[in-house]
Amino acid sequence: MTLGLDLPAIPAAELPSVLLRAVGAAQHGITIADATHPDNALVYCNRSFLDLTGYDEGDVLGRNCRFLQGPDTDPAAVAALAAAVRDGRSLHTVLLNYTRDGRPFHNELTVSAVRDGDGRLTHFIGNQIDITERVQRVQRLSHLALSDQLTGLGNRYQVLETLEQLVGESTTDAAGVTGSRPQVEAAAVVFLDVDRFAEITESYDVDVSTLVLVHLGRRLAEIAEPGDLTARLDAETFALVRPLPRDGAREAARALAEYVGARISAPIETARLSLPIRVSSGAAVWPDDGSTPVDVLRAARNAVRAARQRNDPYFF
């Protein structure tokens, strides 16, 4: 048999040897597991797999590949992989795995089911690629897209994304699917506007107005509890999102708006000046005040505007 341009095919007698050398020289980690073994034990791994994971061949062969899993490996991804193996299916996924010395890496894993001439499942081939740098690059870009560069807090897009996730979690829980995170029944969205901020920008140089925003962002971050999201939405508007139990959510949101507004409304003291700061606060509750994240943000914005119009520091 010949290929194009009179190129001869690899003789059948030489093919196994050529394939073995090719797999051994591959730049990606390659493993072969015995599908007839009760625990799908590995019977082959190439040099790249050993270099990737830091293990020796004697540590790997005869074991299930789950030894690469660790404390932060996603249980859902592991369950999907186990189901594919159980059903004799191929699968493409990304797992957070760990090297022998405990270093985490993002493993783009392709598992291919291999069958003999009679259709019986005999082996699984695993192709493993370290995509940690790619994942970290995406995470950095995501952080830039979802954060306020001046204060280091989140921005409007992150608030919207967080509320979308809360909506998704609530929907999932309502459908009866058990997850590892507690059910989110409601959330307070507190808006905080710096009163007379335009006067500050007109009366002082840009360094002072920048200082005010940085100080307020720091104060808000110090107030936040685990699970809260803090954000700067525009020039002088900040926000805090806090998941709440459904029962008593409105009262809790009211108290939160008053507390946060009072804590932030304090003078900013520097060697150069003492600047009084007053913040108007308003709050909305998801899902009471809107069926979508945009609706809830609009309700919180209207609440803080009403606070300003009434010359009342708090409005709910």
C-alpha atoms as a PDB file:
ATOM      1  CA  MET A   1       0.000   0.000   0.000  1.00  0.00           C
ATOM      2  CA  THR A   2       1.241   3.476  -0.856  1.00  0.00           C
ATOM      3  CA  LEU A   3       0.119   6.927   0.204  1.00  0.00           C
ATOM      4  CA  GLY A   4       0.125  10.100  -1.877  1.00  0.00           C
ATOM      5  CA  LEU A   5       3.297  11.034  -3.811  1.00  0.00           C
ATOM      6  CA  ASP A   6       4.360   7.368  -3.855  1.00  0.00           C
ATOM      7  CA  LEU A   7       4.996   7.475  -0.106  1.00  0.00           C
ATOM      8  CA  PRO A   8       4.881   3.902   1.243  1.00  0.00           C
ATOM      9  CA  ALA A   9       2.719   3.147   4.275  1.00  0.00           C
ATOM     10  CA  ILE A  10       4.334   1.836   7.435  1.00  0.00           C
ATOM     11  CA  PRO A  11       4.633  -1.932   7.085  1.00  0.00           C
ATOM     12  CA  ALA A  12       2.195  -3.763   9.326  1.00  0.00           C
ATOM     13  CA  ALA A  13       5.007  -5.571  11.103  1.00  0.00           C
ATOM     14  CA  GLU A  14       6.648  -2.269  12.052  1.00  0.00           C
ATOM     15  CA  LEU A  15       3.483  -0.355  12.962  1.00  0.00           C
ATOM     16  CA  PRO A  16       3.274  -1.388  16.673  1.00  0.00           C
ATOM     17  CA  SER A  17       6.878  -0.318  17.233  1.00  0.00           C
ATOM     18  CA  VAL A  18       6.382   3.005  15.431  1.00  0.00           C
ATOM     19  CA  LEU A  19       3.182   3.735  17.354  1.00  0.00           C
ATOM     20  CA  LEU A  20       4.853   2.949  20.665  1.00  0.00           C
ATOM     21  CA  ARG A  21       7.751   5.289  19.886  1.00  0.00           C
ATOM     22  CA  ALA A  22       5.349   7.998  18.723  1.00  0.00           C
ATOM     23  CA  VAL A  23       3.272   7.815  21.909  1.00  0.00           C
ATOM     24  CA  GLY A  24       6.410   7.783  24.004  1.00  0.00           C
ATOM     25  CA  ALA A  25       7.740  10.890  22.261  1.00  0.00           C
ATOM     26  CA  ALA A  26       4.453  12.834  22.414  1.00  0.00           C
ATOM     27  CA  GLN A  27       4.663  16.228  24.111  1.00  0.00           C
ATOM     28  CA  HIS A  28       1.381  15.660  25.951  1.00  0.00           C
ATOM     29  CA  GLY A  29       0.956  13.270  28.834  1.00  0.00           C
ATOM     30  CA  ILE A  30      -0.518   9.970  27.642  1.00  0.00           C
ATOM     31  CA  THR A  31      -1.783   7.128  29.801  1.00  0.00           C
ATOM     32  CA  ILE A  32      -3.447   3.811  29.028  1.00  0.00           C
ATOM     33  CA  ALA A  33      -5.756   2.190  31.575  1.00  0.00           C
ATOM     34  CA  ASP A  34      -6.955  -1.409  31.537  1.00  0.00           C
ATOM     35  CA  ALA A  35     -10.738  -1.195  31.223  1.00  0.00           C
ATOM     36  CA  THR A  36     -11.087  -4.843  32.256  1.00  0.00           C
ATOM     37  CA  HIS A  37      -9.405  -4.155  35.599  1.00  0.00           C
ATOM     38  CA  PRO A  38     -11.869  -3.520  38.475  1.00  0.00           C
ATOM     39  CA  ASP A  39     -10.243  -0.149  39.206  1.00  0.00           C
ATOM     40  CA  ASN A  40      -9.175   0.768  35.654  1.00  0.00           C
ATOM     41  CA  ALA A  41      -5.515   0.541  36.627  1.00  0.00           C
ATOM     42  CA  LEU A  42      -2.882   2.248  34.493  1.00  0.00           C
ATOM     43  CA  VAL A  43      -0.778  -0.092  32.382  1.00  0.00           C
ATOM     44  CA  TYR A  44       1.191   2.561  30.473  1.00  0.00           C
ATOM     45  CA  CYS A  45       2.301   6.170  30.796  1.00  0.00           C
ATOM     46  CA  ASN A  46       4.699   8.139  28.635  1.00  0.00           C
ATOM     47  CA  ARG A  47       7.613  10.331  29.649  1.00  0.00           C
ATOM     48  CA  SER A  48       5.621  13.554  29.300  1.00  0.00           C
ATOM     49  CA  PHE A  49       3.065  12.311  31.827  1.00  0.00           C
ATOM     50  CA  LEU A  50       5.818  11.587  34.336  1.00  0.00           C
ATOM     51  CA  ASP A  51       7.394  15.001  33.716  1.00  0.00           C
ATOM     52  CA  LEU A  52       4.009  16.682  34.127  1.00  0.00           C
ATOM     53  CA  THR A  53       3.082  14.989  37.389  1.00  0.00           C
ATOM     54  CA  GLY A  54       6.491  14.442  38.977  1.00  0.00           C
ATOM     55  CA  TYR A  55       5.851  10.747  39.604  1.00  0.00           C
ATOM     56  CA  ASP A  56       8.058   7.807  38.696  1.00  0.00           C
ATOM     57  CA  GLU A  57       6.713   5.027  36.519  1.00  0.00           C
ATOM     58  CA  GLY A  58       6.724   2.615  39.453  1.00  0.00           C
ATOM     59  CA  ASP A  59       4.475   5.001  41.407  1.00  0.00           C
ATOM     60  CA  VAL A  60       1.935   5.158  38.587  1.00  0.00           C
ATOM     61  CA  LEU A  61       1.459   1.770  36.954  1.00  0.00           C
ATOM     62  CA  GLY A  62      -1.135  -0.440  38.587  1.00  0.00           C
ATOM     63  CA  ARG A  63      -3.010   2.521  40.084  1.00  0.00           C
ATOM     64  CA  ASN A  64      -6.162   4.397  39.160  1.00  0.00           C
ATOM     65  CA  CYS A  65      -5.430   7.924  37.971  1.00  0.00           C
ATOM     66  CA  ARG A  66      -7.444   9.405  40.828  1.00  0.00           C
ATOM     67  CA  PHE A  67      -4.188   9.828  42.760  1.00  0.00           C
ATOM     68  CA  LEU A  68      -3.836  13.106  40.845  1.00  0.00           C
ATOM     69  CA  GLN A  69      -6.917  14.530  42.558  1.00  0.00           C
ATOM     70  CA  GLY A  70      -6.679  16.797  45.598  1.00  0.00           C
ATOM     71  CA  PRO A  71      -8.634  18.981  48.004  1.00  0.00           C
ATOM     72  CA  ASP A  72      -9.845  21.517  45.420  1.00  0.00           C
ATOM     73  CA  THR A  73     -10.597  19.112  42.576  1.00  0.00           C
ATOM     74  CA  ASP A  74     -14.180  19.744  41.467  1.00  0.00           C
ATOM     75  CA  PRO A  75     -16.374  16.843  42.692  1.00  0.00           C
ATOM     76  CA  ALA A  76     -18.835  17.430  39.842  1.00  0.00           C
ATOM     77  CA  ALA A  77     -16.083  17.047  37.236  1.00  0.00           C
ATOM     78  CA  VAL A  78     -14.838  13.904  38.983  1.00  0.00           C
ATOM     79  CA  ALA A  79     -18.366  12.475  39.014  1.00  0.00           C
ATOM     80  CA  ALA A  80     -18.768  13.183  35.279  1.00  0.00           C
ATOM     81  CA  LEU A  81     -15.471  11.435  34.580  1.00  0.00           C
ATOM     82  CA  ALA A  82     -16.449   8.430  36.694  1.00  0.00           C
ATOM     83  CA  ALA A  83     -19.799   8.187  34.892  1.00  0.00           C
ATOM     84  CA  ALA A  84     -18.109   8.241  31.481  1.00  0.00           C
ATOM     85  CA  VAL A  85     -15.708   5.481  32.520  1.00  0.00           C
ATOM     86  CA  ARG A  86     -18.536   3.448  34.001  1.00  0.00           C
ATOM     87  CA  ASP A  87     -20.545   3.787  30.780  1.00  0.00           C
ATOM     88  CA  GLY A  88     -17.557   3.158  28.506  1.00  0.00           C
ATOM     89  CA  ARG A  89     -17.777   6.614  26.955  1.00  0.00           C
ATOM     90  CA  SER A  90     -15.144   9.070  25.824  1.00  0.00           C
ATOM     91  CA  LEU A  91     -14.951  12.418  27.623  1.00  0.00           C
ATOM     92  CA  HIS A  92     -13.252  15.801  27.388  1.00  0.00           C
ATOM     93  CA  THR A  93     -12.969  17.829  30.595  1.00  0.00           C
ATOM     94  CA  VAL A  94     -10.697  20.031  32.687  1.00  0.00           C
ATOM     95  CA  LEU A  95      -9.665  18.918  36.168  1.00  0.00           C
ATOM     96  CA  LEU A  96      -7.647  20.620  38.851  1.00  0.00           C
ATOM     97  CA  ASN A  97      -5.011  17.974  39.534  1.00  0.00           C
ATOM     98  CA  TYR A  98      -1.925  17.887  41.739  1.00  0.00           C
ATOM     99  CA  THR A  99       1.675  16.903  41.102  1.00  0.00           C
ATOM    100  CA  ARG A 100       3.603  14.610  43.395  1.00  0.00           C
ATOM    101  CA  ASP A 101       4.898  17.591  45.401  1.00  0.00           C
ATOM    102  CA  GLY A 102       1.406  19.054  45.805  1.00  0.00           C
ATOM    103  CA  ARG A 103       1.502  21.725  43.106  1.00  0.00           C
ATOM    104  CA  PRO A 104      -1.951  22.222  41.553  1.00  0.00           C
ATOM    105  CA  PHE A 105      -2.300  22.355  37.780  1.00  0.00           C
ATOM    106  CA  HIS A 106      -5.242  22.608  35.414  1.00  0.00           C
ATOM    107  CA  ASN A 107      -5.353  19.393  33.412  1.00  0.00           C
ATOM    108  CA  GLU A 108      -7.187  19.392  30.082  1.00  0.00           C
ATOM    109  CA  LEU A 109      -8.062  15.720  29.930  1.00  0.00           C
ATOM    110  CA  THR A 110      -9.395  13.746  26.983  1.00  0.00           C
ATOM    111  CA  VAL A 111     -10.374  10.160  27.755  1.00  0.00           C
ATOM    112  CA  SER A 112     -10.967   7.887  24.760  1.00  0.00           C
ATOM    113  CA  ALA A 113     -12.613   4.480  25.034  1.00  0.00           C
ATOM    114  CA  VAL A 114     -10.858   1.715  23.047  1.00  0.00           C
ATOM    115  CA  ARG A 115     -12.685  -1.415  21.867  1.00  0.00           C
ATOM    116  CA  ASP A 116     -11.498  -4.617  20.250  1.00  0.00           C
ATOM    117  CA  GLY A 117     -12.711  -6.101  16.967  1.00  0.00           C
ATOM    118  CA  ASP A 118     -15.769  -7.545  18.701  1.00  0.00           C
ATOM    119  CA  GLY A 119     -16.749  -4.203  20.226  1.00  0.00           C
ATOM    120  CA  ARG A 120     -15.643  -5.099  23.748  1.00  0.00           C
ATOM    121  CA  LEU A 121     -14.200  -2.274  25.811  1.00  0.00           C
ATOM    122  CA  THR A 122     -10.546  -3.008  26.534  1.00  0.00           C
ATOM    123  CA  HIS A 123      -8.743   0.211  27.424  1.00  0.00           C
ATOM    124  CA  PHE A 124      -9.040   3.921  28.100  1.00  0.00           C
ATOM    125  CA  ILE A 125      -6.476   6.293  26.645  1.00  0.00           C
ATOM    126  CA  GLY A 126      -5.930   9.525  28.568  1.00  0.00           C
ATOM    127  CA  ASN A 127      -4.422  12.582  26.894  1.00  0.00           C
ATOM    128  CA  GLN A 128      -3.359  15.199  29.457  1.00  0.00           C
ATOM    129  CA  ILE A 129      -2.332  18.795  28.773  1.00  0.00           C
ATOM    130  CA  ASP A 130      -1.249  21.318  31.398  1.00  0.00           C
ATOM    131  CA  ILE A 131      -3.303  24.446  30.611  1.00  0.00           C
ATOM    132  CA  THR A 132      -2.551  26.263  33.869  1.00  0.00           C
ATOM    133  CA  GLU A 133      -1.007  29.291  32.151  1.00  0.00           C
ATOM    134  CA  ARG A 134      -4.021  29.585  29.845  1.00  0.00           C
ATOM    135  CA  VAL A 135      -6.462  29.374  32.768  1.00  0.00           C
ATOM    136  CA  GLN A 136      -4.502  31.935  34.776  1.00  0.00           C
ATOM    137  CA  ARG A 137      -4.400  34.280  31.793  1.00  0.00           C
ATOM    138  CA  VAL A 138      -8.171  34.043  31.431  1.00  0.00           C
ATOM    139  CA  GLN A 139      -8.578  34.598  35.174  1.00  0.00           C
ATOM    140  CA  ARG A 140      -6.408  37.720  35.021  1.00  0.00           C
ATOM    141  CA  LEU A 141      -8.425  39.090  32.118  1.00  0.00           C
ATOM    142  CA  SER A 142     -11.640  38.251  33.946  1.00  0.00           C
ATOM    143  CA  HIS A 143     -10.378  40.039  37.048  1.00  0.00           C
ATOM    144  CA  LEU A 144      -9.581  43.130  34.995  1.00  0.00           C
ATOM    145  CA  ALA A 145     -13.003  43.012  33.365  1.00  0.00           C
ATOM    146  CA  LEU A 146     -14.834  42.595  36.681  1.00  0.00           C
ATOM    147  CA  SER A 147     -12.862  44.922  38.955  1.00  0.00           C
ATOM    148  CA  ASP A 148     -12.500  48.643  39.563  1.00  0.00           C
ATOM    149  CA  GLN A 149      -8.861  49.480  38.973  1.00  0.00           C
ATOM    150  CA  LEU A 150      -8.816  52.462  41.339  1.00  0.00           C
ATOM    151  CA  THR A 151     -10.162  50.784  44.483  1.00  0.00           C
ATOM    152  CA  GLY A 152      -9.574  47.099  43.771  1.00  0.00           C
ATOM    153  CA  LEU A 153     -13.254  46.393  44.447  1.00  0.00           C
ATOM    154  CA  GLY A 154     -15.603  44.767  41.975  1.00  0.00           C
ATOM    155  CA  ASN A 155     -17.449  46.780  39.348  1.00  0.00           C
ATOM    156  CA  ARG A 156     -20.974  46.881  37.966  1.00  0.00           C
ATOM    157  CA  TYR A 157     -20.362  43.841  35.777  1.00  0.00           C
ATOM    158  CA  GLN A 158     -19.249  41.779  38.748  1.00  0.00           C
ATOM    159  CA  VAL A 159     -22.337  42.806  40.717  1.00  0.00           C
ATOM    160  CA  LEU A 160     -24.545  41.708  37.831  1.00  0.00           C
ATOM    161  CA  GLU A 161     -22.621  38.444  37.461  1.00  0.00           C
ATOM    162  CA  THR A 162     -22.859  37.744  41.193  1.00  0.00           C
ATOM    163  CA  LEU A 163     -26.608  38.301  41.201  1.00  0.00           C
ATOM    164  CA  GLU A 164     -26.946  36.067  38.145  1.00  0.00           C
ATOM    165  CA  GLN A 165     -25.104  33.331  40.052  1.00  0.00           C
ATOM    166  CA  LEU A 166     -27.361  33.793  43.071  1.00  0.00           C
ATOM    167  CA  VAL A 167     -30.400  33.444  40.825  1.00  0.00           C
ATOM    168  CA  GLY A 168     -28.908  30.271  39.326  1.00  0.00           C
ATOM    169  CA  GLU A 169     -28.151  28.787  42.734  1.00  0.00           C
ATOM    170  CA  SER A 170     -31.654  29.472  43.946  1.00  0.00           C
ATOM    171  CA  THR A 171     -33.161  27.912  40.827  1.00  0.00           C
ATOM    172  CA  THR A 172     -30.944  24.853  41.148  1.00  0.00           C
ATOM    173  CA  ASP A 173     -31.847  24.358  44.783  1.00  0.00           C
ATOM    174  CA  ALA A 174     -35.533  24.761  44.019  1.00  0.00           C
ATOM    175  CA  ALA A 175     -35.206  21.955  41.480  1.00  0.00           C
ATOM    176  CA  GLY A 176     -34.034  19.665  44.235  1.00  0.00           C
ATOM    177  CA  VAL A 177     -30.390  19.363  43.234  1.00  0.00           C
ATOM    178  CA  THR A 178     -28.110  19.173  46.236  1.00  0.00           C
ATOM    179  CA  GLY A 179     -24.943  21.270  46.001  1.00  0.00           C
ATOM    180  CA  SER A 180     -21.952  21.918  48.192  1.00  0.00           C
ATOM    181  CA  ARG A 181     -22.940  25.561  48.777  1.00  0.00           C
ATOM    182  CA  PRO A 182     -25.778  26.648  51.072  1.00  0.00           C
ATOM    183  CA  GLN A 183     -29.034  27.693  49.495  1.00  0.00           C
ATOM    184  CA  VAL A 184     -29.246  31.416  48.719  1.00  0.00           C
ATOM    185  CA  GLU A 185     -32.809  32.564  49.341  1.00  0.00           C
ATOM    186  CA  ALA A 186     -32.399  36.342  49.068  1.00  0.00           C
ATOM    187  CA  ALA A 187     -29.786  39.060  48.840  1.00  0.00           C
ATOM    188  CA  ALA A 188     -29.462  42.652  49.974  1.00  0.00           C
ATOM    189  CA  VAL A 189     -28.085  45.120  47.434  1.00  0.00           C
ATOM    190  CA  VAL A 190     -26.944  48.273  49.226  1.00  0.00           C
ATOM    191  CA  PHE A 191     -26.055  51.369  47.198  1.00  0.00           C
ATOM    192  CA  LEU A 192     -23.900  54.126  48.712  1.00  0.00           C
ATOM    193  CA  ASP A 193     -23.550  57.566  47.122  1.00  0.00           C
ATOM    194  CA  VAL A 194     -20.964  60.099  48.290  1.00  0.00           C
ATOM    195  CA  ASP A 195     -22.897  63.309  48.929  1.00  0.00           C
ATOM    196  CA  ARG A 196     -21.588  66.476  47.251  1.00  0.00           C
ATOM    197  CA  PHE A 197     -18.798  64.572  45.547  1.00  0.00           C
ATOM    198  CA  ALA A 198     -18.947  67.035  42.635  1.00  0.00           C
ATOM    199  CA  GLU A 199     -18.081  69.819  45.094  1.00  0.00           C
ATOM    200  CA  ILE A 200     -15.060  67.843  46.269  1.00  0.00           C
ATOM    201  CA  THR A 201     -13.792  67.404  42.716  1.00  0.00           C
ATOM    202  CA  GLU A 202     -14.314  71.116  42.011  1.00  0.00           C
ATOM    203  CA  SER A 203     -12.757  72.364  45.258  1.00  0.00           C
ATOM    204  CA  TYR A 204      -9.702  70.116  45.369  1.00  0.00           C
ATOM    205  CA  ASP A 205      -7.274  68.653  42.883  1.00  0.00           C
ATOM    206  CA  VAL A 206      -7.748  65.216  41.396  1.00  0.00           C
ATOM    207  CA  ASP A 207      -5.452  63.648  43.977  1.00  0.00           C
ATOM    208  CA  VAL A 208      -7.898  64.511  46.765  1.00  0.00           C
ATOM    209  CA  SER A 209     -10.962  63.112  44.999  1.00  0.00           C
ATOM    210  CA  THR A 210      -8.967  59.987  44.206  1.00  0.00           C
ATOM    211  CA  LEU A 211      -7.930  59.751  47.858  1.00  0.00           C
ATOM    212  CA  VAL A 212     -11.579  59.955  48.931  1.00  0.00           C
ATOM    213  CA  LEU A 213     -12.613  57.114  46.653  1.00  0.00           C
ATOM    214  CA  VAL A 214      -9.703  54.906  47.708  1.00  0.00           C
ATOM    215  CA  HIS A 215     -10.426  55.512  51.409  1.00  0.00           C
ATOM    216  CA  LEU A 216     -14.124  54.770  50.990  1.00  0.00           C
ATOM    217  CA  GLY A 217     -13.348  51.606  49.055  1.00  0.00           C
ATOM    218  CA  ARG A 218     -11.025  50.501  51.848  1.00  0.00           C
ATOM    219  CA  ARG A 219     -13.665  51.215  54.490  1.00  0.00           C
ATOM    220  CA  LEU A 220     -16.269  49.247  52.583  1.00  0.00           C
ATOM    221  CA  ALA A 221     -13.914  46.294  52.194  1.00  0.00           C
ATOM    222  CA  GLU A 222     -13.223  46.341  55.947  1.00  0.00           C
ATOM    223  CA  ILE A 223     -16.949  46.226  56.713  1.00  0.00           C
ATOM    224  CA  ALA A 224     -17.608  43.316  54.355  1.00  0.00           C
ATOM    225  CA  GLU A 225     -18.115  39.825  55.722  1.00  0.00           C
ATOM    226  CA  PRO A 226     -17.141  36.529  54.049  1.00  0.00           C
ATOM    227  CA  GLY A 227     -19.539  35.951  51.158  1.00  0.00           C
ATOM    228  CA  ASP A 228     -20.155  39.668  50.553  1.00  0.00           C
ATOM    229  CA  LEU A 229     -19.336  41.437  47.310  1.00  0.00           C
ATOM    230  CA  THR A 230     -18.119  45.025  47.433  1.00  0.00           C
ATOM    231  CA  ALA A 231     -17.992  47.155  44.309  1.00  0.00           C
ATOM    232  CA  ARG A 232     -17.585  50.647  42.917  1.00  0.00           C
ATOM    233  CA  LEU A 233     -20.246  51.174  40.270  1.00  0.00           C
ATOM    234  CA  ASP A 234     -19.400  54.634  38.958  1.00  0.00           C
ATOM    235  CA  ALA A 235     -17.621  57.832  40.009  1.00  0.00           C
ATOM    236  CA  GLU A 236     -19.090  58.146  43.518  1.00  0.00           C
ATOM    237  CA  THR A 237     -21.391  55.137  43.888  1.00  0.00           C
ATOM    238  CA  PHE A 238     -20.404  52.010  45.796  1.00  0.00           C
ATOM    239  CA  ALA A 239     -22.353  48.822  46.428  1.00  0.00           C
ATOM    240  CA  LEU A 240     -22.391  45.897  48.813  1.00  0.00           C
ATOM    241  CA  VAL A 241     -24.199  42.637  48.038  1.00  0.00           C
ATOM    242  CA  ARG A 242     -24.902  40.213  50.874  1.00  0.00           C
ATOM    243  CA  PRO A 243     -26.755  36.865  50.629  1.00  0.00           C
ATOM    244  CA  LEU A 244     -29.537  36.618  53.222  1.00  0.00           C
ATOM    245  CA  PRO A 245     -32.062  34.082  54.510  1.00  0.00           C
ATOM    246  CA  ARG A 246     -35.484  34.678  52.983  1.00  0.00           C
ATOM    247  CA  ASP A 247     -37.157  35.175  56.335  1.00  0.00           C
ATOM    248  CA  GLY A 248     -36.582  38.722  57.544  1.00  0.00           C
ATOM    249  CA  ALA A 249     -34.582  39.732  54.477  1.00  0.00           C
ATOM    250  CA  ARG A 250     -36.122  43.192  54.161  1.00  0.00           C
ATOM    251  CA  GLU A 251     -35.464  44.109  57.788  1.00  0.00           C
ATOM    252  CA  ALA A 252     -31.916  42.763  57.523  1.00  0.00           C
ATOM    253  CA  ALA A 253     -31.278  44.780  54.359  1.00  0.00           C
ATOM    254  CA  ARG A 254     -32.601  47.938  56.006  1.00  0.00           C
ATOM    255  CA  ALA A 255     -30.320  47.448  59.006  1.00  0.00           C
ATOM    256  CA  LEU A 256     -27.371  46.708  56.723  1.00  0.00           C
ATOM    257  CA  ALA A 257     -27.903  49.885  54.688  1.00  0.00           C
ATOM    258  CA  GLU A 258     -28.041  52.004  57.836  1.00  0.00           C
ATOM    259  CA  TYR A 259     -25.005  50.324  59.373  1.00  0.00           C
ATOM    260  CA  VAL A 260     -22.812  50.542  56.277  1.00  0.00           C
ATOM    261  CA  GLY A 261     -23.837  54.121  55.555  1.00  0.00           C
ATOM    262  CA  ALA A 262     -23.026  55.185  59.111  1.00  0.00           C
ATOM    263  CA  ARG A 263     -19.665  53.398  59.137  1.00  0.00           C
ATOM    264  CA  ILE A 264     -18.539  54.974  55.883  1.00  0.00           C
ATOM    265  CA  SER A 265     -19.796  58.474  56.731  1.00  0.00           C
ATOM    266  CA  ALA A 266     -16.733  59.556  58.664  1.00  0.00           C
ATOM    267  CA  PRO A 267     -14.176  62.308  58.015  1.00  0.00           C
ATOM    268  CA  ILE A 268     -11.084  61.511  56.012  1.00  0.00           C
ATOM    269  CA  GLU A 269      -8.073  62.751  57.930  1.00  0.00           C
ATOM    270  CA  THR A 270      -4.691  63.289  56.313  1.00  0.00           C
ATOM    271  CA  ALA A 271      -1.689  65.440  57.063  1.00  0.00           C
ATOM    272  CA  ARG A 272      -2.971  67.908  54.479  1.00  0.00           C
ATOM    273  CA  LEU A 273      -6.679  68.143  55.288  1.00  0.00           C
ATOM    274  CA  SER A 274      -9.665  66.992  57.294  1.00  0.00           C
ATOM    275  CA  LEU A 275     -12.529  66.307  54.922  1.00  0.00           C
ATOM    276  CA  PRO A 276     -16.042  65.543  56.227  1.00  0.00           C
ATOM    277  CA  ILE A 277     -17.720  62.740  54.295  1.00  0.00           C
ATOM    278  CA  ARG A 278     -21.402  61.904  54.254  1.00  0.00           C
ATOM    279  CA  VAL A 279     -22.836  58.969  52.341  1.00  0.00           C
ATOM    280  CA  SER A 280     -26.455  58.385  51.368  1.00  0.00           C
ATOM    281  CA  SER A 281     -27.479  54.745  51.338  1.00  0.00           C
ATOM    282  CA  GLY A 282     -30.365  52.815  49.860  1.00  0.00           C
ATOM    283  CA  ALA A 283     -31.111  49.142  49.533  1.00  0.00           C
ATOM    284  CA  ALA A 284     -33.106  46.683  47.490  1.00  0.00           C
ATOM    285  CA  VAL A 285     -33.805  43.017  48.096  1.00  0.00           C
ATOM    286  CA  TRP A 286     -33.546  40.302  45.517  1.00  0.00           C
ATOM    287  CA  PRO A 287     -35.964  38.777  44.509  1.00  0.00           C
ATOM    288  CA  ASP A 288     -38.604  41.085  46.068  1.00  0.00           C
ATOM    289  CA  ASP A 289     -37.559  44.214  44.196  1.00  0.00           C
ATOM    290  CA  GLY A 290     -36.859  42.740  40.783  1.00  0.00           C
ATOM    291  CA  SER A 291     -36.913  39.497  38.866  1.00  0.00           C
ATOM    292  CA  THR A 292     -33.600  40.242  37.127  1.00  0.00           C
ATOM    293  CA  PRO A 293     -30.270  41.601  38.407  1.00  0.00           C
ATOM    294  CA  VAL A 294     -30.725  44.781  36.356  1.00  0.00           C
ATOM    295  CA  ASP A 295     -34.136  45.382  37.955  1.00  0.00           C
ATOM    296  CA  VAL A 296     -32.690  44.950  41.451  1.00  0.00           C
ATOM    297  CA  LEU A 297     -29.847  47.375  40.744  1.00  0.00           C
ATOM    298  CA  ARG A 298     -32.358  49.877  39.386  1.00  0.00           C
ATOM    299  CA  ALA A 299     -34.421  49.570  42.574  1.00  0.00           C
ATOM    300  CA  ALA A 300     -31.343  50.146  44.744  1.00  0.00           C
ATOM    301  CA  ARG A 301     -30.375  53.151  42.605  1.00  0.00           C
ATOM    302  CA  ASN A 302     -33.862  54.629  42.999  1.00  0.00           C
ATOM    303  CA  ALA A 303     -33.677  54.094  46.757  1.00  0.00           C
ATOM    304  CA  VAL A 304     -30.429  56.013  47.132  1.00  0.00           C
ATOM    305  CA  ARG A 305     -31.733  58.806  44.901  1.00  0.00           C
ATOM    306  CA  ALA A 306     -34.795  59.089  47.109  1.00  0.00           C
ATOM    307  CA  ALA A 307     -32.524  59.330  50.139  1.00  0.00           C
ATOM    308  CA  ARG A 308     -30.763  62.298  48.594  1.00  0.00           C
ATOM    309  CA  GLN A 309     -33.992  64.007  47.599  1.00  0.00           C
ATOM    310  CA  ARG A 310     -35.355  63.676  51.134  1.00  0.00           C
ATOM    311  CA  ASN A 311     -32.039  64.778  52.649  1.00  0.00           C
ATOM    312  CA  ASP A 312     -32.230  61.564  54.615  1.00  0.00           C
ATOM    313  CA  PRO A 313     -29.044  59.499  54.807  1.00  0.00           C
ATOM    314  CA  TYR A 314     -30.971  56.230  54.611  1.00  0.00           C
ATOM    315  CA  PHE A 315     -33.866  55.173  52.427  1.00  0.00           C
ATOM    316  CA  PHE A 316     -35.356  51.768  51.860  1.00  0.00           C
END
